[in-house]
N, C-alpha and C. Protein backbone atom coordinates (compact mmCIF):
# COMPACT_ATOMS: atom_id res chain seq x y z
N MET A 1 164.23 -2.41 21.26
CA MET A 1 165.24 -1.54 20.51
C MET A 1 165.21 -0.33 21.13
N SER A 2 166.38 0.29 20.94
CA SER A 2 166.72 1.62 21.67
C SER A 2 165.56 2.59 21.17
N VAL A 3 165.31 3.57 22.11
CA VAL A 3 164.43 4.83 21.80
C VAL A 3 165.21 5.78 20.73
N ASP A 4 166.57 5.79 20.77
CA ASP A 4 167.22 6.82 19.97
C ASP A 4 167.02 6.27 18.57
N ARG A 5 167.27 4.85 18.25
CA ARG A 5 167.09 4.22 16.97
C ARG A 5 165.76 4.53 16.51
N LEU A 6 164.72 3.87 17.35
CA LEU A 6 163.54 4.27 16.98
C LEU A 6 162.94 5.88 16.43
N GLU A 7 163.73 6.75 17.07
CA GLU A 7 163.56 8.21 16.67
C GLU A 7 164.25 8.27 15.21
N ARG A 8 165.33 7.70 15.08
CA ARG A 8 165.98 7.79 13.89
C ARG A 8 165.07 7.04 12.69
N VAL A 9 164.59 6.04 12.75
CA VAL A 9 163.73 5.45 11.86
C VAL A 9 162.51 6.20 11.71
N ASN A 10 161.95 6.86 12.82
CA ASN A 10 160.74 7.76 12.53
C ASN A 10 160.98 8.81 11.55
N SER A 11 162.42 9.44 11.99
CA SER A 11 162.71 10.48 11.20
C SER A 11 163.09 10.17 9.76
N LEU A 12 163.86 9.00 9.58
CA LEU A 12 163.81 8.70 7.96
C LEU A 12 162.57 8.22 7.27
N LEU A 13 161.54 7.61 7.98
CA LEU A 13 160.48 7.52 7.37
C LEU A 13 159.64 8.67 6.97
N LYS A 14 159.76 9.61 8.00
CA LYS A 14 159.12 11.00 7.67
C LYS A 14 159.45 11.55 6.39
N ARG A 15 161.03 11.75 6.31
CA ARG A 15 161.49 12.22 4.91
C ARG A 15 161.33 11.44 3.87
N VAL A 16 161.31 10.08 3.91
CA VAL A 16 161.22 9.46 2.60
C VAL A 16 159.70 9.48 2.28
N ILE A 17 158.73 9.55 3.22
CA ILE A 17 157.31 9.45 2.76
C ILE A 17 157.09 10.81 2.39
N GLY A 18 157.67 11.98 2.92
CA GLY A 18 157.53 13.20 2.38
C GLY A 18 157.91 13.65 1.24
N ASP A 19 159.33 12.96 0.74
CA ASP A 19 159.80 13.08 -0.44
C ASP A 19 158.92 12.40 -1.64
N ALA A 20 158.34 11.22 -1.32
CA ALA A 20 157.47 10.67 -2.02
C ALA A 20 156.10 10.76 -2.29
N MET A 21 156.05 11.90 -1.47
CA MET A 21 154.36 12.57 -1.66
C MET A 21 154.17 12.85 -3.17
N PHE A 22 155.14 13.64 -3.71
CA PHE A 22 155.13 14.32 -4.97
C PHE A 22 155.02 13.14 -6.16
N ARG A 23 155.99 12.07 -5.83
CA ARG A 23 156.11 11.30 -7.03
C ARG A 23 154.67 10.30 -6.97
N VAL A 24 154.35 9.95 -5.70
CA VAL A 24 153.15 8.85 -5.69
C VAL A 24 151.74 9.73 -6.09
N LEU A 25 151.53 11.03 -5.74
CA LEU A 25 150.45 11.87 -5.92
C LEU A 25 150.65 12.55 -7.51
N MET A 26 151.69 12.48 -8.21
CA MET A 26 151.97 13.11 -9.45
C MET A 26 150.63 12.60 -10.61
N GLY A 27 150.16 13.63 -11.05
CA GLY A 27 148.89 13.19 -12.07
C GLY A 27 147.69 12.80 -11.54
N ASP A 28 147.54 12.94 -10.39
CA ASP A 28 146.24 12.91 -9.80
C ASP A 28 145.55 14.05 -9.46
N ASP A 29 144.37 14.10 -9.15
CA ASP A 29 143.75 15.36 -8.91
C ASP A 29 143.74 15.96 -7.67
N VAL A 30 144.88 15.44 -6.74
CA VAL A 30 145.35 15.89 -5.50
C VAL A 30 146.64 16.78 -5.58
N SER A 31 146.76 18.07 -5.17
CA SER A 31 147.92 18.52 -5.31
C SER A 31 148.82 18.30 -3.96
N ALA A 32 150.03 17.66 -4.48
CA ALA A 32 150.77 17.26 -3.27
C ALA A 32 151.25 18.48 -2.36
N GLY A 33 151.36 19.41 -3.14
CA GLY A 33 151.69 20.66 -2.45
C GLY A 33 150.92 21.22 -1.07
N LEU A 34 149.89 20.54 -1.12
CA LEU A 34 148.89 20.85 0.03
C LEU A 34 149.01 19.93 1.24
N VAL A 35 149.88 19.20 1.00
CA VAL A 35 150.12 17.79 1.89
C VAL A 35 151.58 18.12 2.57
N THR A 36 151.59 18.15 4.03
CA THR A 36 152.86 18.06 4.75
C THR A 36 152.93 16.92 5.82
N VAL A 37 153.93 16.05 5.53
CA VAL A 37 153.99 15.01 6.82
C VAL A 37 154.59 15.61 7.96
N THR A 38 153.87 15.46 8.98
CA THR A 38 154.30 16.34 10.20
C THR A 38 154.95 15.26 11.06
N GLY A 39 154.59 13.97 11.01
CA GLY A 39 155.39 13.19 11.54
C GLY A 39 154.90 11.49 11.77
N VAL A 40 155.86 10.57 12.04
CA VAL A 40 155.64 9.42 11.96
C VAL A 40 156.01 8.74 13.34
N SER A 41 155.30 7.90 13.69
CA SER A 41 155.19 6.96 14.82
C SER A 41 155.21 5.65 14.57
N CYS A 42 156.56 5.03 14.68
CA CYS A 42 156.56 3.50 14.27
C CYS A 42 156.48 2.69 15.43
N GLY A 43 155.71 1.71 15.46
CA GLY A 43 155.78 0.75 16.62
C GLY A 43 157.15 -0.12 16.78
N LYS A 44 157.25 -0.45 18.16
CA LYS A 44 158.63 -1.07 18.71
C LYS A 44 159.25 -2.19 17.75
N ASP A 45 158.06 -2.78 16.93
CA ASP A 45 158.65 -3.98 16.30
C ASP A 45 158.66 -3.64 14.86
N LEU A 46 158.63 -2.24 14.55
CA LEU A 46 158.70 -1.75 13.28
C LEU A 46 157.76 -2.28 12.11
N ARG A 47 156.74 -2.97 12.38
CA ARG A 47 155.79 -3.62 11.56
C ARG A 47 154.77 -2.74 11.30
N ASN A 48 154.40 -1.66 12.13
CA ASN A 48 153.31 -0.52 11.86
C ASN A 48 153.81 0.67 12.24
N ALA A 49 153.32 1.84 11.22
CA ALA A 49 153.71 3.21 11.41
C ALA A 49 152.62 3.86 11.11
N THR A 50 152.30 5.04 11.92
CA THR A 50 151.24 5.88 12.09
C THR A 50 151.84 7.12 11.30
N VAL A 51 151.32 7.68 10.09
CA VAL A 51 152.00 8.85 9.41
C VAL A 51 150.83 9.83 9.74
N ARG A 52 151.50 10.92 10.40
CA ARG A 52 150.49 12.27 10.59
C ARG A 52 150.76 13.07 9.53
N VAL A 53 149.69 13.54 8.54
CA VAL A 53 149.57 14.41 7.67
C VAL A 53 148.76 15.73 7.91
N SER A 54 149.33 16.72 7.57
CA SER A 54 148.61 18.00 7.58
C SER A 54 148.28 18.35 6.28
N VAL A 55 146.97 18.78 6.07
CA VAL A 55 146.19 19.06 4.63
C VAL A 55 145.88 20.52 4.71
N PHE A 56 146.24 21.33 3.66
CA PHE A 56 145.92 22.67 3.54
C PHE A 56 144.40 22.67 3.10
N GLY A 57 143.52 23.38 3.71
CA GLY A 57 142.00 23.46 3.00
C GLY A 57 141.09 23.23 4.03
N ASP A 58 139.85 23.20 3.61
CA ASP A 58 138.75 23.17 4.44
C ASP A 58 138.48 21.77 5.07
N GLU A 59 137.52 21.33 5.69
CA GLU A 59 137.43 20.16 6.42
C GLU A 59 137.05 18.98 5.14
N ALA A 60 136.22 19.32 4.19
CA ALA A 60 135.70 18.29 3.25
C ALA A 60 137.22 18.00 2.49
N GLU A 61 137.89 19.23 1.99
CA GLU A 61 139.04 18.76 1.16
C GLU A 61 140.11 17.92 2.06
N GLN A 62 140.37 18.34 3.23
CA GLN A 62 141.12 17.45 3.93
C GLN A 62 140.70 16.09 3.94
N ARG A 63 139.56 15.57 4.32
CA ARG A 63 139.15 14.32 4.10
C ARG A 63 139.08 13.79 2.76
N ARG A 64 138.78 14.44 1.71
CA ARG A 64 139.03 14.12 0.39
C ARG A 64 140.44 13.73 0.03
N VAL A 65 141.72 14.60 0.49
CA VAL A 65 142.79 14.31 0.14
C VAL A 65 143.06 13.16 1.04
N LEU A 66 143.00 12.97 2.26
CA LEU A 66 143.35 11.93 3.15
C LEU A 66 142.83 10.52 2.45
N GLY A 67 141.76 10.66 2.17
CA GLY A 67 141.12 9.40 1.63
C GLY A 67 142.06 8.88 0.32
N HIS A 68 142.28 9.99 -0.41
CA HIS A 68 143.05 9.54 -1.74
C HIS A 68 144.52 9.10 -1.10
N ILE A 69 145.24 9.88 -0.23
CA ILE A 69 146.52 9.10 0.26
C ILE A 69 146.34 7.77 0.93
N ILE A 70 145.16 7.55 1.50
CA ILE A 70 144.91 6.27 2.12
C ILE A 70 144.80 5.09 1.04
N ARG A 71 144.28 5.27 -0.09
CA ARG A 71 144.05 4.55 -1.31
C ARG A 71 145.42 4.33 -1.66
N ARG A 72 146.45 5.10 -1.70
CA ARG A 72 147.77 4.76 -2.20
C ARG A 72 148.69 4.44 -1.38
N ALA A 73 148.20 4.13 -0.03
CA ALA A 73 149.34 3.47 1.03
C ALA A 73 150.15 2.58 0.54
N HIS A 74 149.67 1.60 -0.24
CA HIS A 74 150.76 0.60 -0.57
C HIS A 74 151.63 1.01 -1.56
N GLU A 75 151.46 2.25 -2.22
CA GLU A 75 152.51 2.79 -3.03
C GLU A 75 153.52 3.15 -2.16
N PHE A 76 153.24 3.90 -1.17
CA PHE A 76 154.25 4.52 -0.05
C PHE A 76 154.98 3.57 0.34
N GLU A 77 154.19 2.41 0.82
CA GLU A 77 154.97 1.27 1.52
C GLU A 77 156.14 0.66 0.43
N ARG A 78 155.58 0.47 -1.14
CA ARG A 78 156.64 0.15 -2.10
C ARG A 78 157.80 0.99 -1.96
N VAL A 79 157.74 2.48 -1.81
CA VAL A 79 158.90 3.26 -1.77
C VAL A 79 159.54 3.32 -0.31
N VAL A 80 158.97 3.07 0.57
CA VAL A 80 159.82 2.86 1.97
C VAL A 80 160.50 1.48 1.76
N ASN A 81 159.95 0.43 1.16
CA ASN A 81 160.58 -0.83 0.99
C ASN A 81 161.79 -0.69 0.01
N ARG A 82 161.56 0.20 -0.89
CA ARG A 82 162.89 0.25 -1.91
C ARG A 82 163.93 1.10 -1.24
N GLU A 83 163.64 2.27 -0.76
CA GLU A 83 164.51 3.31 -0.22
C GLU A 83 165.06 3.05 1.26
N VAL A 84 164.26 2.13 2.35
CA VAL A 84 164.92 2.02 3.50
C VAL A 84 165.21 0.62 3.74
N ARG A 85 166.29 0.34 4.32
CA ARG A 85 166.63 -0.94 4.65
C ARG A 85 166.18 -1.54 6.02
N LEU A 86 165.07 -2.03 6.12
CA LEU A 86 164.40 -2.59 7.42
C LEU A 86 164.34 -4.11 7.54
N LYS A 87 164.25 -4.75 8.52
CA LYS A 87 163.93 -6.28 8.21
C LYS A 87 162.58 -6.40 7.78
N PHE A 88 161.72 -5.45 8.32
CA PHE A 88 160.26 -5.57 7.81
C PHE A 88 159.73 -4.16 7.23
N THR A 89 158.94 -3.95 6.35
CA THR A 89 158.52 -2.82 5.75
C THR A 89 157.28 -2.64 6.58
N PRO A 90 157.06 -1.65 7.29
CA PRO A 90 155.91 -1.20 8.08
C PRO A 90 154.83 -0.97 7.26
N GLN A 91 153.60 -1.19 7.92
CA GLN A 91 152.17 -1.10 7.26
C GLN A 91 151.93 0.37 7.92
N LEU A 92 151.55 1.12 6.63
CA LEU A 92 151.56 2.59 7.02
C LEU A 92 149.99 2.89 7.27
N ARG A 93 149.58 3.76 8.28
CA ARG A 93 148.53 4.18 8.45
C ARG A 93 148.55 5.48 8.65
N PHE A 94 147.62 6.36 7.75
CA PHE A 94 147.76 7.72 7.70
C PHE A 94 146.62 8.38 8.24
N VAL A 95 146.70 9.45 9.07
CA VAL A 95 145.72 10.14 9.92
C VAL A 95 146.09 11.85 9.74
N LEU A 96 145.05 12.45 9.86
CA LEU A 96 145.08 13.94 9.85
C LEU A 96 145.52 14.32 11.23
N ASP A 97 146.44 15.27 10.89
CA ASP A 97 146.86 16.05 12.30
C ASP A 97 146.63 17.46 11.88
N HIS A 98 146.03 18.04 13.09
CA HIS A 98 145.56 19.45 13.06
C HIS A 98 146.32 20.37 13.96
N SER A 99 147.79 19.81 14.30
CA SER A 99 148.40 20.54 14.95
C SER A 99 148.84 21.82 14.43
N LEU A 100 149.33 21.93 13.22
CA LEU A 100 149.50 23.07 12.57
C LEU A 100 148.35 24.23 12.55
N GLU A 101 147.21 23.73 12.45
CA GLU A 101 146.00 24.53 12.32
C GLU A 101 145.98 25.36 13.87
N LYS A 102 145.88 24.29 14.82
CA LYS A 102 146.07 24.77 16.19
C LYS A 102 147.03 25.72 16.54
N GLY A 103 148.25 25.70 15.88
CA GLY A 103 149.33 26.47 16.36
C GLY A 103 148.94 28.00 15.74
N ASP A 104 148.26 27.88 14.22
CA ASP A 104 147.96 29.02 13.74
C ASP A 104 147.00 29.86 14.49
N HIS A 105 146.01 28.98 14.87
CA HIS A 105 144.83 29.63 15.82
C HIS A 105 145.51 30.36 17.07
N VAL A 106 146.49 29.65 17.85
CA VAL A 106 147.10 30.25 19.06
C VAL A 106 147.73 31.70 18.75
N LEU A 107 148.46 31.50 17.58
CA LEU A 107 149.43 32.61 16.98
C LEU A 107 148.52 33.88 16.59
N ALA A 108 147.20 33.53 16.12
CA ALA A 108 146.41 34.47 15.68
C ALA A 108 145.78 35.12 16.91
N LEU A 109 145.49 34.40 18.01
CA LEU A 109 145.13 34.95 19.40
C LEU A 109 146.03 35.89 19.98
N LEU A 110 147.37 35.44 19.88
CA LEU A 110 148.58 36.19 20.43
C LEU A 110 148.52 37.41 19.88
N ASP A 111 148.03 37.41 18.48
CA ASP A 111 148.19 38.87 17.93
C ASP A 111 147.31 39.72 18.12
N THR A 112 145.97 39.12 18.55
CA THR A 112 145.11 40.09 19.11
C THR A 112 145.17 40.68 20.49
N LEU A 113 146.12 39.90 21.19
CA LEU A 113 146.39 40.71 22.49
C LEU A 113 147.27 42.17 22.54
N PRO A 114 146.92 42.72 23.33
CA PRO A 114 147.64 44.22 23.25
C PRO A 114 149.13 43.78 23.74
N SER A 115 150.16 44.36 22.96
CA SER A 115 151.45 44.50 23.46
C SER A 115 151.70 44.88 24.70
N SER A 116 152.63 44.26 25.46
CA SER A 116 153.09 44.87 26.76
C SER A 116 154.10 45.69 26.66
N SER A 117 154.75 45.82 25.60
CA SER A 117 155.98 46.80 25.37
C SER A 117 155.36 48.12 25.09
N SER A 118 154.18 48.25 24.55
CA SER A 118 153.60 49.66 23.99
C SER A 118 152.70 50.23 25.37
N SER A 119 152.42 49.28 26.36
CA SER A 119 151.89 50.02 27.35
C SER A 119 153.15 50.41 28.49
N SER A 120 154.18 49.59 28.32
CA SER A 120 155.22 50.11 29.32
C SER A 120 155.87 51.35 28.61
N ALA A 121 155.76 51.41 27.39
CA ALA A 121 156.45 52.74 26.78
C ALA A 121 155.74 53.96 27.04
N GLU A 122 154.35 53.76 27.05
CA GLU A 122 153.48 54.76 27.24
C GLU A 122 153.73 55.49 28.84
N SER A 123 154.20 54.77 29.61
CA SER A 123 154.32 55.16 31.14
C SER A 123 155.50 56.22 31.14
């Protein structure tokens, strides 16, 4: 399978799963607004896919929400099966993605550095 097609499938799955997050988690004690689908990596045979999610909150809340999403994985697979035409419906594996937190940390560190434009303006 070409890399371009695999990237398009990953992008499509990310969009479909992200849109389904509200429908699947509606009525649960988990707020779908706290969950962001940051990426999907599908295997070359399209039988398995790893879904990276970022959850807003502390570590305990992240684990709780991820556990809830994992328990609902079959419902997400049903949505993918219904909305995406593939030969096989991939088995979804959800994992926490901490990249947004790391990015926020880097931005916070950059904000603490003295600005180079203010030091050159003083000269």
